[in-house]
């Protein structure tokens, strides 16, 4: 086993980019709104005051930046705490190609910064 495997490090399959949007979450018959953390074409992270159960399914609804409003199923792959918040790593389940392309375009787009003198 490599040192990375021993320490539970992993490599993401897809690159991600920070996304600061509200996300609707349907989990175990309950609906609530939380914040997003990062997004990639394979999944996203959400930041919530609720710690959800790893390995369970949920439904996410959110707007892809410069794209479509989507409703996607996902699987909770990881849960970590940061202060009084829980950060959940979500893997999308059967994401349509059109949505993957929109997310890929967002992740790969260059951001412009304005210089302040």
PDB file of N, CA and C in Angstrom:
ATOM      1  N   UNK A   1       0.836  -1.172   0.000  1.00  0.00           N
ATOM      2  CA  UNK A   1       0.000   0.000   0.000  1.00  0.00           C
ATOM      3  C   UNK A   1       0.888   1.244   0.000  1.00  0.00           C
ATOM      4  N   UNK A   2       0.524   2.241  -0.827  1.00  0.00           N
ATOM      5  CA  UNK A   2       1.319   3.472  -0.896  1.00  0.00           C
ATOM      6  C   UNK A   2       1.009   4.367   0.305  1.00  0.00           C
ATOM      7  N   UNK A   3       1.907   5.322   0.606  1.00  0.00           N
ATOM      8  CA  UNK A   3       1.661   6.242   1.728  1.00  0.00           C
ATOM      9  C   UNK A   3       0.359   7.027   1.559  1.00  0.00           C
ATOM     10  N   UNK A   4      -0.001   7.338   0.312  1.00  0.00           N
ATOM     11  CA  UNK A   4      -1.252   8.068   0.079  1.00  0.00           C
ATOM     12  C   UNK A   4      -2.457   7.211   0.424  1.00  0.00           C
ATOM     13  N   UNK A   5      -2.422   5.938   0.100  1.00  0.00           N
ATOM     14  CA  UNK A   5      -3.541   5.044   0.420  1.00  0.00           C
ATOM     15  C   UNK A   5      -3.671   4.864   1.931  1.00  0.00           C
ATOM     16  N   UNK A   6      -2.536   4.781   2.620  1.00  0.00           N
ATOM     17  CA  UNK A   6      -2.568   4.597   4.069  1.00  0.00           C
ATOM     18  C   UNK A   6      -3.214   5.780   4.771  1.00  0.00           C
ATOM     19  N   UNK A   7      -2.986   6.981   4.271  1.00  0.00           N
ATOM     20  CA  UNK A   7      -3.537   8.177   4.901  1.00  0.00           C
ATOM     21  C   UNK A   7      -4.876   8.572   4.299  1.00  0.00           C
ATOM     22  N   UNK A   8      -5.463   7.725   3.486  1.00  0.00           N
ATOM     23  CA  UNK A   8      -6.788   7.934   2.902  1.00  0.00           C
ATOM     24  C   UNK A   8      -6.815   9.111   1.930  1.00  0.00           C
ATOM     25  N   UNK A   9      -5.683   9.436   1.286  1.00  0.00           N
ATOM     26  CA  UNK A   9      -5.661  10.453   0.250  1.00  0.00           C
ATOM     27  C   UNK A   9      -6.232   9.834  -1.018  1.00  0.00           C
ATOM     28  N   UNK A  10      -6.837  10.671  -1.839  1.00  0.00           N
ATOM     29  CA  UNK A  10      -7.331  10.176  -3.106  1.00  0.00           C
ATOM     30  C   UNK A  10      -7.217  11.281  -4.149  1.00  0.00           C
ATOM     31  N   UNK A  11      -7.273  10.885  -5.376  1.00  0.00           N
ATOM     32  CA  UNK A  11      -7.237  11.827  -6.481  1.00  0.00           C
ATOM     33  C   UNK A  11      -8.620  11.913  -7.066  1.00  0.00           C
ATOM     34  N   UNK A  12      -9.078  13.115  -7.289  1.00  0.00           N
ATOM     35  CA  UNK A  12     -10.386  13.304  -7.899  1.00  0.00           C
ATOM     36  C   UNK A  12     -10.310  12.951  -9.366  1.00  0.00           C
ATOM     37  N   UNK A  13     -11.402  12.418  -9.852  1.00  0.00           N
ATOM     38  CA  UNK A  13     -11.486  12.040 -11.255  1.00  0.00           C
ATOM     39  C   UNK A  13     -11.645  13.270 -12.148  1.00  0.00           C
ATOM     40  N   UNK A  14     -12.331  14.304 -11.626  1.00  0.00           N
ATOM     41  CA  UNK A  14     -12.593  15.518 -12.393  1.00  0.00           C
ATOM     42  C   UNK A  14     -12.130  16.737 -11.596  1.00  0.00           C
ATOM     43  N   UNK A  15     -11.641  17.765 -12.287  1.00  0.00           N
ATOM     44  CA  UNK A  15     -11.270  18.994 -11.577  1.00  0.00           C
ATOM     45  C   UNK A  15     -12.523  19.686 -11.036  1.00  0.00           C
ATOM     46  N   UNK A  16     -12.333  20.482  -9.990  1.00  0.00           N
ATOM     47  CA  UNK A  16     -13.447  21.215  -9.393  1.00  0.00           C
ATOM     48  C   UNK A  16     -13.101  22.693  -9.309  1.00  0.00           C
ATOM     49  N   UNK A  17     -14.152  23.475  -9.119  1.00  0.00           N
ATOM     50  CA  UNK A  17     -13.990  24.916  -8.960  1.00  0.00           C
ATOM     51  C   UNK A  17     -14.943  25.371  -7.851  1.00  0.00           C
ATOM     52  N   UNK A  18     -14.530  26.374  -7.112  1.00  0.00           N
ATOM     53  CA  UNK A  18     -15.375  26.916  -6.051  1.00  0.00           C
ATOM     54  C   UNK A  18     -16.669  27.446  -6.642  1.00  0.00           C
ATOM     55  N   UNK A  19     -17.754  27.142  -5.985  1.00  0.00           N
ATOM     56  CA  UNK A  19     -19.080  27.595  -6.399  1.00  0.00           C
ATOM     57  C   UNK A  19     -19.805  28.070  -5.154  1.00  0.00           C
ATOM     58  N   UNK A  20     -20.154  29.331  -5.111  1.00  0.00           N
ATOM     59  CA  UNK A  20     -20.850  29.894  -3.951  1.00  0.00           C
ATOM     60  C   UNK A  20     -22.298  30.183  -4.347  1.00  0.00           C
ATOM     61  N   UNK A  21     -23.128  29.165  -4.268  1.00  0.00           N
ATOM     62  CA  UNK A  21     -24.549  29.270  -4.610  1.00  0.00           C
ATOM     63  C   UNK A  21     -25.355  28.532  -3.558  1.00  0.00           C
ATOM     64  N   UNK A  22     -26.635  28.821  -3.514  1.00  0.00           N
ATOM     65  CA  UNK A  22     -27.561  28.076  -2.669  1.00  0.00           C
ATOM     66  C   UNK A  22     -27.970  26.814  -3.407  1.00  0.00           C
ATOM     67  N   UNK A  23     -28.122  25.738  -2.654  1.00  0.00           N
ATOM     68  CA  UNK A  23     -28.501  24.442  -3.222  1.00  0.00           C
ATOM     69  C   UNK A  23     -29.687  23.903  -2.431  1.00  0.00           C
ATOM     70  N   UNK A  24     -30.710  23.463  -3.150  1.00  0.00           N
ATOM     71  CA  UNK A  24     -31.837  22.799  -2.506  1.00  0.00           C
ATOM     72  C   UNK A  24     -31.479  21.333  -2.319  1.00  0.00           C
ATOM     73  N   UNK A  25     -31.770  20.797  -1.141  1.00  0.00           N
ATOM     74  CA  UNK A  25     -31.437  19.404  -0.836  1.00  0.00           C
ATOM     75  C   UNK A  25     -32.687  18.677  -0.360  1.00  0.00           C
ATOM     76  N   UNK A  26     -32.977  17.553  -0.983  1.00  0.00           N
ATOM     77  CA  UNK A  26     -34.042  16.667  -0.532  1.00  0.00           C
ATOM     78  C   UNK A  26     -33.366  15.413  -0.009  1.00  0.00           C
ATOM     79  N   UNK A  27     -33.486  15.191   1.311  1.00  0.00           N
ATOM     80  CA  UNK A  27     -32.819  14.061   1.947  1.00  0.00           C
ATOM     81  C   UNK A  27     -33.770  13.438   2.960  1.00  0.00           C
ATOM     82  N   UNK A  28     -34.023  12.156   2.801  1.00  0.00           N
ATOM     83  CA  UNK A  28     -34.835  11.406   3.761  1.00  0.00           C
ATOM     84  C   UNK A  28     -36.201  12.068   3.989  1.00  0.00           C
ATOM     85  N   UNK A  29     -36.811  12.554   2.907  1.00  0.00           N
ATOM     86  CA  UNK A  29     -38.140  13.159   2.983  1.00  0.00           C
ATOM     87  C   UNK A  29     -38.165  14.592   3.473  1.00  0.00           C
ATOM     88  N   UNK A  30     -37.016  15.170   3.772  1.00  0.00           N
ATOM     89  CA  UNK A  30     -36.924  16.552   4.251  1.00  0.00           C
ATOM     90  C   UNK A  30     -36.231  17.412   3.191  1.00  0.00           C
ATOM     91  N   UNK A  31     -36.742  18.644   3.020  1.00  0.00           N
ATOM     92  CA  UNK A  31     -36.143  19.572   2.065  1.00  0.00           C
ATOM     93  C   UNK A  31     -35.558  20.749   2.829  1.00  0.00           C
ATOM     94  N   UNK A  32     -34.332  21.148   2.482  1.00  0.00           N
ATOM     95  CA  UNK A  32     -33.709  22.319   3.083  1.00  0.00           C
ATOM     96  C   UNK A  32     -32.757  22.948   2.080  1.00  0.00           C
ATOM     97  N   UNK A  33     -32.345  24.180   2.374  1.00  0.00           N
ATOM     98  CA  UNK A  33     -31.420  24.928   1.530  1.00  0.00           C
ATOM     99  C   UNK A  33     -30.074  25.002   2.249  1.00  0.00           C
ATOM    100  N   UNK A  34     -28.989  24.797   1.498  1.00  0.00           N
ATOM    101  CA  UNK A  34     -27.651  24.936   2.070  1.00  0.00           C
ATOM    102  C   UNK A  34     -26.743  25.622   1.054  1.00  0.00           C
ATOM    103  N   UNK A  35     -25.491  25.777   1.404  1.00  0.00           N
ATOM    104  CA  UNK A  35     -24.511  26.410   0.525  1.00  0.00           C
ATOM    105  C   UNK A  35     -23.696  25.354  -0.207  1.00  0.00           C
ATOM    106  N   UNK A  36     -23.227  25.718  -1.394  1.00  0.00           N
ATOM    107  CA  UNK A  36     -22.324  24.829  -2.123  1.00  0.00           C
ATOM    108  C   UNK A  36     -20.894  25.219  -1.801  1.00  0.00           C
ATOM    109  N   UNK A  37     -19.978  24.292  -2.016  1.00  0.00           N
ATOM    110  CA  UNK A  37     -18.562  24.548  -1.789  1.00  0.00           C
ATOM    111  C   UNK A  37     -17.791  24.540  -3.091  1.00  0.00           C
ATOM    112  N   UNK A  38     -17.746  23.381  -3.724  1.00  0.00           N
ATOM    113  CA  UNK A  38     -17.056  23.205  -5.006  1.00  0.00           C
ATOM    114  C   UNK A  38     -17.956  22.386  -5.914  1.00  0.00           C
ATOM    115  N   UNK A  39     -17.660  22.457  -7.215  1.00  0.00           N
ATOM    116  CA  UNK A  39     -18.401  21.638  -8.177  1.00  0.00           C
ATOM    117  C   UNK A  39     -17.449  21.152  -9.260  1.00  0.00           C
ATOM    118  N   UNK A  40     -17.723  19.969  -9.766  1.00  0.00           N
ATOM    119  CA  UNK A  40     -17.029  19.379 -10.903  1.00  0.00           C
ATOM    120  C   UNK A  40     -18.051  18.523 -11.628  1.00  0.00           C
ATOM    121  N   UNK A  41     -17.704  18.037 -12.796  1.00  0.00           N
ATOM    122  CA  UNK A  41     -18.705  17.281 -13.544  1.00  0.00           C
ATOM    123  C   UNK A  41     -19.065  15.942 -12.902  1.00  0.00           C
ATOM    124  N   UNK A  42     -18.287  15.486 -11.935  1.00  0.00           N
ATOM    125  CA  UNK A  42     -18.594  14.236 -11.259  1.00  0.00           C
ATOM    126  C   UNK A  42     -19.320  14.407  -9.937  1.00  0.00           C
ATOM    127  N   UNK A  43     -19.332  15.649  -9.398  1.00  0.00           N
ATOM    128  CA  UNK A  43     -19.999  15.848  -8.122  1.00  0.00           C
ATOM    129  C   UNK A  43     -19.761  17.232  -7.574  1.00  0.00           C
ATOM    130  N   UNK A  44     -20.171  17.434  -6.331  1.00  0.00           N
ATOM    131  CA  UNK A  44     -20.011  18.729  -5.686  1.00  0.00           C
ATOM    132  C   UNK A  44     -19.939  18.562  -4.183  1.00  0.00           C
ATOM    133  N   UNK A  45     -19.562  19.621  -3.510  1.00  0.00           N
ATOM    134  CA  UNK A  45     -19.617  19.608  -2.049  1.00  0.00           C
ATOM    135  C   UNK A  45     -20.693  20.587  -1.610  1.00  0.00           C
ATOM    136  N   UNK A  46     -21.352  20.236  -0.515  1.00  0.00           N
ATOM    137  CA  UNK A  46     -22.346  21.124   0.072  1.00  0.00           C
ATOM    138  C   UNK A  46     -21.987  21.350   1.530  1.00  0.00           C
ATOM    139  N   UNK A  47     -22.322  22.526   2.028  1.00  0.00           N
ATOM    140  CA  UNK A  47     -22.011  22.914   3.404  1.00  0.00           C
ATOM    141  C   UNK A  47     -23.332  23.142   4.115  1.00  0.00           C
ATOM    142  N   UNK A  48     -23.557  22.379   5.177  1.00  0.00           N
ATOM    143  CA  UNK A  48     -24.853  22.387   5.842  1.00  0.00           C
ATOM    144  C   UNK A  48     -24.698  22.417   7.349  1.00  0.00           C
ATOM    145  N   UNK A  49     -25.739  22.825   8.034  1.00  0.00           N
ATOM    146  CA  UNK A  49     -25.738  22.738   9.496  1.00  0.00           C
ATOM    147  C   UNK A  49     -26.164  21.343   9.941  1.00  0.00           C
ATOM    148  N   UNK A  50     -26.595  20.525   8.996  1.00  0.00           N
ATOM    149  CA  UNK A  50     -27.002  19.148   9.282  1.00  0.00           C
ATOM    150  C   UNK A  50     -25.931  18.178   8.814  1.00  0.00           C
ATOM    151  N   UNK A  51     -25.591  17.201   9.620  1.00  0.00           N
ATOM    152  CA  UNK A  51     -24.661  16.148   9.208  1.00  0.00           C
ATOM    153  C   UNK A  51     -25.490  15.001   8.644  1.00  0.00           C
ATOM    154  N   UNK A  52     -25.396  14.799   7.341  1.00  0.00           N
ATOM    155  CA  UNK A  52     -26.161  13.744   6.671  1.00  0.00           C
ATOM    156  C   UNK A  52     -25.374  12.446   6.689  1.00  0.00           C
ATOM    157  N   UNK A  53     -26.054  11.349   6.440  1.00  0.00           N
ATOM    158  CA  UNK A  53     -25.454  10.022   6.540  1.00  0.00           C
ATOM    159  C   UNK A  53     -24.682   9.652   5.276  1.00  0.00           C
ATOM    160  N   UNK A  54     -23.417   9.329   5.453  1.00  0.00           N
ATOM    161  CA  UNK A  54     -22.568   8.883   4.346  1.00  0.00           C
ATOM    162  C   UNK A  54     -23.147   7.610   3.749  1.00  0.00           C
ATOM    163  N   UNK A  55     -23.087   7.501   2.410  1.00  0.00           N
ATOM    164  CA  UNK A  55     -23.589   6.314   1.732  1.00  0.00           C
ATOM    165  C   UNK A  55     -25.051   6.391   1.345  1.00  0.00           C
ATOM    166  N   UNK A  56     -25.728   7.462   1.721  1.00  0.00           N
ATOM    167  CA  UNK A  56     -27.150   7.627   1.404  1.00  0.00           C
ATOM    168  C   UNK A  56     -27.328   8.499   0.168  1.00  0.00           C
ATOM    169  N   UNK A  57     -28.478   8.363  -0.467  1.00  0.00           N
ATOM    170  CA  UNK A  57     -28.790   9.160  -1.649  1.00  0.00           C
ATOM    171  C   UNK A  57     -29.533  10.426  -1.255  1.00  0.00           C
ATOM    172  N   UNK A  58     -29.442  11.418  -2.124  1.00  0.00           N
ATOM    173  CA  UNK A  58     -30.190  12.658  -1.957  1.00  0.00           C
ATOM    174  C   UNK A  58     -30.464  13.250  -3.326  1.00  0.00           C
ATOM    175  N   UNK A  59     -31.267  14.304  -3.353  1.00  0.00           N
ATOM    176  CA  UNK A  59     -31.565  15.014  -4.595  1.00  0.00           C
ATOM    177  C   UNK A  59     -31.150  16.464  -4.396  1.00  0.00           C
ATOM    178  N   UNK A  60     -30.378  16.989  -5.351  1.00  0.00           N
ATOM    179  CA  UNK A  60     -29.884  18.363  -5.297  1.00  0.00           C
ATOM    180  C   UNK A  60     -30.529  19.183  -6.402  1.00  0.00           C
ATOM    181  N   UNK A  61     -30.868  20.427  -6.110  1.00  0.00           N
ATOM    182  CA  UNK A  61     -31.374  21.337  -7.138  1.00  0.00           C
ATOM    183  C   UNK A  61     -30.586  22.641  -7.038  1.00  0.00           C
ATOM    184  N   UNK A  62     -30.059  23.092  -8.177  1.00  0.00           N
ATOM    185  CA  UNK A  62     -29.232  24.299  -8.200  1.00  0.00           C
ATOM    186  C   UNK A  62     -29.089  24.802  -9.628  1.00  0.00           C
ATOM    187  N   UNK A  63     -28.611  26.033  -9.746  1.00  0.00           N
ATOM    188  CA  UNK A  63     -28.370  26.653 -11.039  1.00  0.00           C
ATOM    189  C   UNK A  63     -26.905  26.484 -11.408  1.00  0.00           C
ATOM    190  N   UNK A  64     -26.630  25.888 -12.561  1.00  0.00           N
ATOM    191  CA  UNK A  64     -25.261  25.841 -13.068  1.00  0.00           C
ATOM    192  C   UNK A  64     -24.928  27.257 -13.534  1.00  0.00           C
ATOM    193  N   UNK A  65     -23.818  27.843 -13.097  1.00  0.00           N
ATOM    194  CA  UNK A  65     -23.490  29.212 -13.523  1.00  0.00           C
ATOM    195  C   UNK A  65     -23.496  29.342 -15.048  1.00  0.00           C
ATOM    196  N   UNK A  66     -24.192  30.341 -15.543  1.00  0.00           N
ATOM    197  CA  UNK A  66     -24.360  30.572 -16.989  1.00  0.00           C
ATOM    198  C   UNK A  66     -24.968  29.358 -17.682  1.00  0.00           C
ATOM    199  N   UNK A  67     -25.764  28.580 -16.947  1.00  0.00           N
ATOM    200  CA  UNK A  67     -26.348  27.366 -17.519  1.00  0.00           C
ATOM    201  C   UNK A  67     -27.753  27.113 -17.006  1.00  0.00           C
ATOM    202  N   UNK A  68     -28.098  25.863 -16.973  1.00  0.00           N
ATOM    203  CA  UNK A  68     -29.430  25.376 -16.677  1.00  0.00           C
ATOM    204  C   UNK A  68     -29.659  25.204 -15.178  1.00  0.00           C
ATOM    205  N   UNK A  69     -30.936  25.348 -14.766  1.00  0.00           N
ATOM    206  CA  UNK A  69     -31.328  24.948 -13.420  1.00  0.00           C
ATOM    207  C   UNK A  69     -31.496  23.437 -13.472  1.00  0.00           C
ATOM    208  N   UNK A  70     -30.819  22.711 -12.574  1.00  0.00           N
ATOM    209  CA  UNK A  70     -30.816  21.248 -12.644  1.00  0.00           C
ATOM    210  C   UNK A  70     -31.330  20.628 -11.357  1.00  0.00           C
ATOM    211  N   UNK A  71     -31.854  19.440 -11.494  1.00  0.00           N
ATOM    212  CA  UNK A  71     -32.236  18.599 -10.364  1.00  0.00           C
ATOM    213  C   UNK A  71     -31.532  17.275 -10.598  1.00  0.00           C
ATOM    214  N   UNK A  72     -30.587  16.925  -9.685  1.00  0.00           N
ATOM    215  CA  UNK A  72     -29.751  15.741  -9.874  1.00  0.00           C
ATOM    216  C   UNK A  72     -29.753  14.861  -8.638  1.00  0.00           C
ATOM    217  N   UNK A  73     -29.720  13.568  -8.862  1.00  0.00           N
ATOM    218  CA  UNK A  73     -29.546  12.622  -7.760  1.00  0.00           C
ATOM    219  C   UNK A  73     -28.062  12.501  -7.462  1.00  0.00           C
ATOM    220  N   UNK A  74     -27.751  12.236  -6.207  1.00  0.00           N
ATOM    221  CA  UNK A  74     -26.365  12.065  -5.828  1.00  0.00           C
ATOM    222  C   UNK A  74     -26.233  11.119  -4.651  1.00  0.00           C
ATOM    223  N   UNK A  75     -24.997  10.729  -4.384  1.00  0.00           N
ATOM    224  CA  UNK A  75     -24.664   9.846  -3.268  1.00  0.00           C
ATOM    225  C   UNK A  75     -23.683  10.574  -2.365  1.00  0.00           C
ATOM    226  N   UNK A  76     -23.935  10.548  -1.062  1.00  0.00           N
ATOM    227  CA  UNK A  76     -23.038  11.183  -0.104  1.00  0.00           C
ATOM    228  C   UNK A  76     -21.817  10.277   0.052  1.00  0.00           C
ATOM    229  N   UNK A  77     -20.664  10.768  -0.370  1.00  0.00           N
ATOM    230  CA  UNK A  77     -19.431   9.981  -0.342  1.00  0.00           C
ATOM    231  C   UNK A  77     -18.563  10.280   0.867  1.00  0.00           C
ATOM    232  N   UNK A  78     -18.676  11.498   1.408  1.00  0.00           N
ATOM    233  CA  UNK A  78     -17.867  11.849   2.581  1.00  0.00           C
ATOM    234  C   UNK A  78     -18.574  12.918   3.391  1.00  0.00           C
ATOM    235  N   UNK A  79     -18.288  12.919   4.687  1.00  0.00           N
ATOM    236  CA  UNK A  79     -18.824  13.931   5.598  1.00  0.00           C
ATOM    237  C   UNK A  79     -17.694  14.356   6.524  1.00  0.00           C
ATOM    238  N   UNK A  80     -17.453  15.670   6.605  1.00  0.00           N
ATOM    239  CA  UNK A  80     -16.430  16.220   7.502  1.00  0.00           C
ATOM    240  C   UNK A  80     -17.039  17.419   8.219  1.00  0.00           C
ATOM    241  N   UNK A  81     -16.560  17.683   9.417  1.00  0.00           N
ATOM    242  CA  UNK A  81     -17.067  18.840  10.149  1.00  0.00           C
ATOM    243  C   UNK A  81     -16.043  19.963  10.129  1.00  0.00           C
ATOM    244  N   UNK A  82     -16.562  21.171  10.094  1.00  0.00           N
ATOM    245  CA  UNK A  82     -15.728  22.377  10.155  1.00  0.00           C
ATOM    246  C   UNK A  82     -16.470  23.365  11.039  1.00  0.00           C
ATOM    247  N   UNK A  83     -16.095  23.406  12.303  1.00  0.00           N
ATOM    248  CA  UNK A  83     -16.812  24.253  13.257  1.00  0.00           C
ATOM    249  C   UNK A  83     -18.202  23.684  13.495  1.00  0.00           C
ATOM    250  N   UNK A  84     -19.214  24.511  13.287  1.00  0.00           N
ATOM    251  CA  UNK A  84     -20.590  24.055  13.481  1.00  0.00           C
ATOM    252  C   UNK A  84     -21.251  23.627  12.178  1.00  0.00           C
ATOM    253  N   UNK A  85     -20.470  23.458  11.110  1.00  0.00           N
ATOM    254  CA  UNK A  85     -20.990  23.059   9.795  1.00  0.00           C
ATOM    255  C   UNK A  85     -20.477  21.682   9.408  1.00  0.00           C
ATOM    256  N   UNK A  86     -21.223  21.025   8.540  1.00  0.00           N
ATOM    257  CA  UNK A  86     -20.813  19.740   7.980  1.00  0.00           C
ATOM    258  C   UNK A  86     -20.587  19.925   6.478  1.00  0.00           C
ATOM    259  N   UNK A  87     -19.464  19.427   6.001  1.00  0.00           N
ATOM    260  CA  UNK A  87     -19.135  19.497   4.574  1.00  0.00           C
ATOM    261  C   UNK A  87     -19.307  18.103   3.997  1.00  0.00           C
ATOM    262  N   UNK A  88     -20.173  17.995   2.990  1.00  0.00           N
ATOM    263  CA  UNK A  88     -20.503  16.709   2.385  1.00  0.00           C
ATOM    264  C   UNK A  88     -19.953  16.647   0.969  1.00  0.00           C
ATOM    265  N   UNK A  89     -19.257  15.583   0.644  1.00  0.00           N
ATOM    266  CA  UNK A  89     -18.812  15.320  -0.716  1.00  0.00           C
ATOM    267  C   UNK A  89     -19.869  14.481  -1.401  1.00  0.00           C
ATOM    268  N   UNK A  90     -20.418  14.991  -2.497  1.00  0.00           N
ATOM    269  CA  UNK A  90     -21.515  14.331  -3.199  1.00  0.00           C
ATOM    270  C   UNK A  90     -21.052  13.902  -4.587  1.00  0.00           C
ATOM    271  N   UNK A  91     -21.324  12.644  -4.960  1.00  0.00           N
ATOM    272  CA  UNK A  91     -21.063  12.159  -6.322  1.00  0.00           C
ATOM    273  C   UNK A  91     -22.395  12.143  -7.063  1.00  0.00           C
ATOM    274  N   UNK A  92     -22.429  12.783  -8.235  1.00  0.00           N
ATOM    275  CA  UNK A  92     -23.652  12.780  -9.036  1.00  0.00           C
ATOM    276  C   UNK A  92     -23.917  11.384  -9.574  1.00  0.00           C
ATOM    277  N   UNK A  93     -25.184  11.056  -9.725  1.00  0.00           N
ATOM    278  CA  UNK A  93     -25.614   9.775 -10.269  1.00  0.00           C
ATOM    279  C   UNK A  93     -26.269  10.019 -11.624  1.00  0.00           C
ATOM    280  N   UNK A  94     -25.730   9.481 -12.675  1.00  0.00           N
ATOM    281  CA  UNK A  94     -26.294   9.561 -14.017  1.00  0.00           C
ATOM    282  C   UNK A  94     -26.599  10.994 -14.448  1.00  0.00           C
ATOM    283  N   UNK A  95     -25.575  11.809 -14.496  1.00  0.00           N
ATOM    284  CA  UNK A  95     -25.737  13.200 -14.920  1.00  0.00           C
ATOM    285  C   UNK A  95     -25.789  13.262 -16.443  1.00  0.00           C
ATOM    286  N   UNK A  96     -26.798  13.924 -17.007  1.00  0.00           N
ATOM    287  CA  UNK A  96     -26.890  14.029 -18.468  1.00  0.00           C
ATOM    288  C   UNK A  96     -25.669  14.749 -19.056  1.00  0.00           C
ATOM    289  N   UNK A  97     -25.296  14.374 -20.249  1.00  0.00           N
ATOM    290  CA  UNK A  97     -24.119  14.922 -20.921  1.00  0.00           C
ATOM    291  C   UNK A  97     -24.198  16.441 -21.059  1.00  0.00           C
ATOM    292  N   UNK A  98     -25.379  16.981 -21.343  1.00  0.00           N
ATOM    293  CA  UNK A  98     -25.524  18.436 -21.497  1.00  0.00           C
ATOM    294  C   UNK A  98     -25.160  19.152 -20.202  1.00  0.00           C
ATOM    295  N   UNK A  99     -25.536  18.597 -19.045  1.00  0.00           N
ATOM    296  CA  UNK A  99     -25.197  19.206 -17.756  1.00  0.00           C
ATOM    297  C   UNK A  99     -23.703  19.076 -17.479  1.00  0.00           C
ATOM    298  N   UNK A 100     -23.125  17.917 -17.824  1.00  0.00           N
ATOM    299  CA  UNK A 100     -21.678  17.736 -17.651  1.00  0.00           C
ATOM    300  C   UNK A 100     -20.910  18.794 -18.431  1.00  0.00           C
ATOM    301  N   UNK A 101     -21.351  19.043 -19.652  1.00  0.00           N
ATOM    302  CA  UNK A 101     -20.664  20.027 -20.492  1.00  0.00           C
ATOM    303  C   UNK A 101     -20.754  21.425 -19.898  1.00  0.00           C
ATOM    304  N   UNK A 102     -21.928  21.790 -19.354  1.00  0.00           N
ATOM    305  CA  UNK A 102     -22.092  23.114 -18.745  1.00  0.00           C
ATOM    306  C   UNK A 102     -21.201  23.253 -17.508  1.00  0.00           C
ATOM    307  N   UNK A 103     -21.139  22.207 -16.698  1.00  0.00           N
ATOM    308  CA  UNK A 103     -20.286  22.238 -15.507  1.00  0.00           C
ATOM    309  C   UNK A 103     -18.819  22.297 -15.916  1.00  0.00           C
ATOM    310  N   UNK A 104     -18.437  21.504 -16.917  1.00  0.00           N
ATOM    311  CA  UNK A 104     -17.059  21.512 -17.408  1.00  0.00           C
ATOM    312  C   UNK A 104     -16.679  22.900 -17.916  1.00  0.00           C
ATOM    313  N   UNK A 105     -17.602  23.557 -18.623  1.00  0.00           N
ATOM    314  CA  UNK A 105     -17.327  24.907 -19.132  1.00  0.00           C
ATOM    315  C   UNK A 105     -17.120  25.883 -17.970  1.00  0.00           C
ATOM    316  N   UNK A 106     -17.927  25.770 -16.919  1.00  0.00           N
ATOM    317  CA  UNK A 106     -17.766  26.632 -15.750  1.00  0.00           C
ATOM    318  C   UNK A 106     -16.429  26.377 -15.060  1.00  0.00           C
ATOM    319  N   UNK A 107     -16.096  25.123 -14.845  1.00  0.00           N
ATOM    320  CA  UNK A 107     -14.855  24.766 -14.137  1.00  0.00           C
ATOM    321  C   UNK A 107     -13.633  25.230 -14.918  1.00  0.00           C
ATOM    322  N   UNK A 108     -13.667  25.120 -16.227  1.00  0.00           N
ATOM    323  CA  UNK A 108     -12.484  25.453 -17.027  1.00  0.00           C
ATOM    324  C   UNK A 108     -12.418  26.920 -17.426  1.00  0.00           C
ATOM    325  N   UNK A 109     -13.480  27.692 -17.200  1.00  0.00           N
ATOM    326  CA  UNK A 109     -13.484  29.114 -17.581  1.00  0.00           C
ATOM    327  C   UNK A 109     -12.500  29.896 -16.718  1.00  0.00           C
ATOM    328  N   UNK A 110     -11.820  30.810 -17.342  1.00  0.00           N
ATOM    329  CA  UNK A 110     -10.897  31.674 -16.602  1.00  0.00           C
ATOM    330  C   UNK A 110     -11.717  32.759 -15.926  1.00  0.00           C
ATOM    331  N   UNK A 111     -11.314  33.085 -14.720  1.00  0.00           N
ATOM    332  CA  UNK A 111     -11.969  34.193 -14.025  1.00  0.00           C
ATOM    333  C   UNK A 111     -11.171  35.459 -14.284  1.00  0.00           C
ATOM    334  N   UNK A 112     -11.864  36.576 -14.312  1.00  0.00           N
ATOM    335  CA  UNK A 112     -11.178  37.849 -14.522  1.00  0.00           C
ATOM    336  C   UNK A 112     -11.134  38.580 -13.188  1.00  0.00           C
ATOM    337  N   UNK A 113      -9.991  39.130 -12.900  1.00  0.00           N
ATOM    338  CA  UNK A 113      -9.813  39.899 -11.671  1.00  0.00           C
ATOM    339  C   UNK A 113      -9.573  41.348 -12.020  1.00  0.00           C
ATOM    340  N   UNK A 114     -10.175  42.225 -11.265  1.00  0.00           N
ATOM    341  CA  UNK A 114      -9.972  43.652 -11.471  1.00  0.00           C
ATOM    342  C   UNK A 114      -8.897  44.126 -10.514  1.00  0.00           C
ATOM    343  N   UNK A 115      -7.920  44.823 -11.048  1.00  0.00           N
ATOM    344  CA  UNK A 115      -6.836  45.328 -10.218  1.00  0.00           C
ATOM    345  C   UNK A 115      -7.241  46.667  -9.618  1.00  0.00           C
ATOM    346  N   UNK A 116      -7.047  46.790  -8.327  1.00  0.00           N
ATOM    347  CA  UNK A 116      -7.370  48.042  -7.627  1.00  0.00           C
ATOM    348  C   UNK A 116      -6.070  48.762  -7.333  1.00  0.00           C
ATOM    349  N   UNK A 117      -6.006  50.008  -7.751  1.00  0.00           N
ATOM    350  CA  UNK A 117      -4.791  50.806  -7.527  1.00  0.00           C
ATOM    351  C   UNK A 117      -4.827  51.479  -6.193  1.00  0.00           C
TER     352      UNK A 117
END
